[in-house]
């Protein structure tokens, strides 16, 4: 089972990396509104059941991968 975890700053949380990217794009002549910079983590899991896999990834996120106070998490599972 494969899992993709998308981690982004929550709405209302300052995103200095996103602001830096937006500023650089504007200097290059691109008209850009808001930019939020996050990260993507791809995992290969031994679990074959989606429920078990989701539970494992949720625990990984809450214990290590994400800061739930300032980041939102989206988990996508794929059985291939």
N, C-alpha and C. Protein backbone atom coordinates (compact mmCIF):
# COMPACT_ATOMS: atom_id res chain seq x y z
N UNK A 1 0.85 -1.17 0.00
CA UNK A 1 0.00 0.00 0.00
C UNK A 1 0.90 1.23 0.00
N UNK A 2 0.54 2.18 -0.85
CA UNK A 2 1.27 3.45 -0.91
C UNK A 2 0.42 4.54 -0.27
N UNK A 3 1.10 5.44 0.40
CA UNK A 3 0.42 6.60 0.98
C UNK A 3 1.15 7.86 0.56
N UNK A 4 0.40 8.86 0.21
CA UNK A 4 0.95 10.19 -0.06
C UNK A 4 0.37 11.13 0.98
N UNK A 5 1.26 11.84 1.66
CA UNK A 5 0.85 12.78 2.70
C UNK A 5 1.18 14.19 2.22
N UNK A 6 0.17 15.04 2.14
CA UNK A 6 0.36 16.45 1.77
C UNK A 6 0.24 17.28 3.04
N UNK A 7 1.27 18.04 3.34
CA UNK A 7 1.31 18.85 4.55
C UNK A 7 1.47 20.31 4.14
N UNK A 8 0.54 21.14 4.62
CA UNK A 8 0.55 22.56 4.25
C UNK A 8 0.33 23.41 5.50
N UNK A 9 0.79 24.66 5.47
CA UNK A 9 0.46 25.55 6.58
C UNK A 9 -1.06 25.77 6.61
N UNK A 10 -1.63 25.80 7.80
CA UNK A 10 -3.06 26.07 7.93
C UNK A 10 -3.36 27.49 7.48
N UNK A 11 -4.60 27.71 7.03
CA UNK A 11 -5.04 29.06 6.69
C UNK A 11 -4.86 29.96 7.90
N UNK A 12 -4.38 31.15 7.67
CA UNK A 12 -4.18 32.11 8.75
C UNK A 12 -2.82 32.02 9.41
N UNK A 13 -2.05 30.98 9.09
CA UNK A 13 -0.70 30.82 9.64
C UNK A 13 0.28 31.46 8.66
N UNK A 14 1.18 32.27 9.18
CA UNK A 14 2.19 32.91 8.35
C UNK A 14 3.02 31.86 7.61
N UNK A 15 3.24 32.08 6.32
CA UNK A 15 4.03 31.16 5.49
C UNK A 15 5.18 31.95 4.85
N UNK A 16 6.29 32.14 5.58
CA UNK A 16 7.39 32.94 5.04
C UNK A 16 7.99 32.36 3.77
N UNK A 17 8.03 31.04 3.66
CA UNK A 17 8.56 30.42 2.45
C UNK A 17 7.66 30.72 1.25
N UNK A 18 6.36 30.65 1.44
CA UNK A 18 5.42 30.99 0.38
C UNK A 18 5.55 32.45 -0.03
N UNK A 19 5.72 33.34 0.96
CA UNK A 19 5.90 34.76 0.65
C UNK A 19 7.18 35.01 -0.13
N UNK A 20 8.25 34.30 0.22
CA UNK A 20 9.52 34.46 -0.50
C UNK A 20 9.38 34.00 -1.95
N UNK A 21 8.69 32.89 -2.17
CA UNK A 21 8.48 32.39 -3.53
C UNK A 21 7.62 33.37 -4.32
N UNK A 22 6.55 33.88 -3.68
CA UNK A 22 5.68 34.86 -4.35
C UNK A 22 6.46 36.10 -4.75
N UNK A 23 7.28 36.61 -3.85
CA UNK A 23 8.09 37.79 -4.15
C UNK A 23 9.05 37.55 -5.30
N UNK A 24 9.68 36.39 -5.33
CA UNK A 24 10.61 36.07 -6.42
C UNK A 24 9.88 35.94 -7.75
N UNK A 25 8.71 35.31 -7.74
CA UNK A 25 7.94 35.18 -8.98
C UNK A 25 7.50 36.54 -9.49
N UNK A 26 7.11 37.43 -8.59
CA UNK A 26 6.72 38.78 -9.02
C UNK A 26 7.90 39.52 -9.63
N UNK A 27 9.10 39.35 -9.06
CA UNK A 27 10.29 39.98 -9.63
C UNK A 27 10.61 39.46 -11.02
N UNK A 28 10.20 38.21 -11.29
CA UNK A 28 10.40 37.62 -12.61
C UNK A 28 9.29 38.01 -13.58
N UNK A 29 8.33 38.79 -13.11
CA UNK A 29 7.27 39.28 -14.00
C UNK A 29 5.98 38.48 -13.96
N UNK A 30 5.86 37.53 -13.05
CA UNK A 30 4.64 36.74 -12.95
C UNK A 30 3.67 37.42 -12.00
N UNK A 31 2.40 37.48 -12.41
CA UNK A 31 1.36 38.06 -11.57
C UNK A 31 0.74 36.94 -10.74
N UNK A 32 1.16 36.84 -9.50
CA UNK A 32 0.75 35.74 -8.64
C UNK A 32 0.05 36.29 -7.41
N UNK A 33 -1.00 35.63 -6.99
CA UNK A 33 -1.69 36.01 -5.76
C UNK A 33 -1.00 35.36 -4.57
N UNK A 34 -1.72 34.57 -3.87
CA UNK A 34 -1.22 33.90 -2.68
C UNK A 34 -0.52 32.59 -3.04
N UNK A 35 0.55 32.29 -2.34
CA UNK A 35 1.25 31.01 -2.51
C UNK A 35 1.46 30.40 -1.14
N UNK A 36 1.11 29.13 -1.01
CA UNK A 36 1.36 28.37 0.21
C UNK A 36 2.34 27.26 -0.15
N UNK A 37 3.44 27.16 0.57
CA UNK A 37 4.44 26.13 0.30
C UNK A 37 4.31 25.05 1.37
N UNK A 38 4.20 23.81 0.92
CA UNK A 38 4.10 22.68 1.83
C UNK A 38 5.08 21.60 1.43
N UNK A 39 4.79 20.40 1.87
CA UNK A 39 5.65 19.28 1.50
C UNK A 39 4.80 18.05 1.20
N UNK A 40 5.40 17.14 0.43
CA UNK A 40 4.75 15.89 0.06
C UNK A 40 5.65 14.76 0.54
N UNK A 41 5.05 13.80 1.23
CA UNK A 41 5.80 12.64 1.70
C UNK A 41 5.14 11.41 1.11
N UNK A 42 5.92 10.60 0.38
CA UNK A 42 5.43 9.33 -0.18
C UNK A 42 5.93 8.19 0.69
N UNK A 43 5.01 7.32 1.07
CA UNK A 43 5.34 6.19 1.94
C UNK A 43 4.92 4.88 1.29
N UNK A 44 5.71 3.85 1.47
CA UNK A 44 5.35 2.49 1.07
C UNK A 44 5.07 1.74 2.37
N UNK A 45 3.83 1.27 2.53
CA UNK A 45 3.41 0.64 3.78
C UNK A 45 3.23 -0.86 3.61
N UNK A 46 3.48 -1.60 4.68
CA UNK A 46 3.28 -3.05 4.66
C UNK A 46 1.80 -3.40 4.82
N UNK A 47 1.01 -2.50 5.38
CA UNK A 47 -0.41 -2.76 5.62
C UNK A 47 -1.15 -2.98 4.30
N UNK A 48 -2.04 -3.97 4.29
CA UNK A 48 -2.82 -4.25 3.08
C UNK A 48 -4.25 -3.72 3.21
N UNK A 49 -4.68 -3.39 4.41
CA UNK A 49 -6.01 -2.87 4.66
C UNK A 49 -5.97 -1.35 4.72
N UNK A 50 -6.87 -0.69 3.98
CA UNK A 50 -6.85 0.78 3.93
C UNK A 50 -7.11 1.42 5.29
N UNK A 51 -7.98 0.83 6.07
CA UNK A 51 -8.27 1.38 7.40
C UNK A 51 -7.04 1.35 8.30
N UNK A 52 -6.34 0.23 8.29
CA UNK A 52 -5.12 0.10 9.09
C UNK A 52 -4.05 1.05 8.58
N UNK A 53 -3.91 1.13 7.26
CA UNK A 53 -2.91 2.01 6.67
C UNK A 53 -3.18 3.47 7.03
N UNK A 54 -4.43 3.90 6.92
CA UNK A 54 -4.78 5.28 7.25
C UNK A 54 -4.49 5.57 8.72
N UNK A 55 -4.84 4.64 9.59
CA UNK A 55 -4.58 4.83 11.02
C UNK A 55 -3.08 4.97 11.29
N UNK A 56 -2.26 4.13 10.64
CA UNK A 56 -0.81 4.20 10.82
C UNK A 56 -0.27 5.55 10.36
N UNK A 57 -0.71 6.00 9.19
CA UNK A 57 -0.22 7.27 8.65
C UNK A 57 -0.69 8.44 9.51
N UNK A 58 -1.91 8.39 10.00
CA UNK A 58 -2.39 9.45 10.89
C UNK A 58 -1.53 9.53 12.15
N UNK A 59 -1.17 8.37 12.71
CA UNK A 59 -0.30 8.37 13.89
C UNK A 59 1.08 8.91 13.55
N UNK A 60 1.63 8.53 12.39
CA UNK A 60 2.93 9.05 11.96
C UNK A 60 2.90 10.57 11.88
N UNK A 61 1.81 11.09 11.32
CA UNK A 61 1.68 12.54 11.16
C UNK A 61 1.59 13.24 12.51
N UNK A 62 0.78 12.70 13.40
CA UNK A 62 0.59 13.37 14.69
C UNK A 62 1.82 13.26 15.58
N UNK A 63 2.61 12.19 15.42
CA UNK A 63 3.77 11.99 16.28
C UNK A 63 5.06 12.58 15.72
N UNK A 64 5.15 12.73 14.38
CA UNK A 64 6.43 13.16 13.82
C UNK A 64 6.33 14.04 12.58
N UNK A 65 5.53 13.65 11.62
CA UNK A 65 5.61 14.27 10.30
C UNK A 65 5.03 15.68 10.22
N UNK A 66 4.05 16.00 11.04
CA UNK A 66 3.39 17.31 10.93
C UNK A 66 3.16 17.90 12.32
N UNK A 67 3.05 19.21 12.34
CA UNK A 67 2.69 19.92 13.57
C UNK A 67 1.21 20.29 13.46
N UNK A 68 0.33 19.58 14.17
CA UNK A 68 -1.11 19.81 14.01
C UNK A 68 -1.57 21.21 14.42
N UNK A 69 -0.76 21.94 15.15
CA UNK A 69 -1.15 23.29 15.55
C UNK A 69 -1.08 24.27 14.39
N UNK A 70 -0.13 24.06 13.48
CA UNK A 70 0.08 25.03 12.40
C UNK A 70 -0.01 24.43 11.00
N UNK A 71 -0.15 23.09 10.90
CA UNK A 71 -0.17 22.45 9.58
C UNK A 71 -1.42 21.60 9.40
N UNK A 72 -1.93 21.59 8.17
CA UNK A 72 -3.03 20.69 7.82
C UNK A 72 -2.44 19.51 7.06
N UNK A 73 -3.10 18.37 7.19
CA UNK A 73 -2.60 17.13 6.60
C UNK A 73 -3.69 16.53 5.73
N UNK A 74 -3.29 16.09 4.55
CA UNK A 74 -4.19 15.33 3.66
C UNK A 74 -3.50 14.02 3.35
N UNK A 75 -4.21 12.91 3.53
CA UNK A 75 -3.65 11.58 3.30
C UNK A 75 -4.36 10.95 2.11
N UNK A 76 -3.57 10.47 1.16
CA UNK A 76 -4.11 9.76 0.00
C UNK A 76 -3.52 8.35 0.00
N UNK A 77 -4.38 7.35 -0.13
CA UNK A 77 -3.94 5.96 -0.15
C UNK A 77 -4.16 5.36 -1.52
N UNK A 78 -3.22 4.49 -1.92
CA UNK A 78 -3.29 3.82 -3.21
C UNK A 78 -2.84 2.38 -3.00
N UNK A 79 -3.65 1.43 -3.43
CA UNK A 79 -3.33 0.02 -3.20
C UNK A 79 -2.34 -0.55 -4.20
N UNK A 80 -1.92 0.21 -5.19
CA UNK A 80 -1.00 -0.34 -6.19
C UNK A 80 0.42 -0.33 -5.70
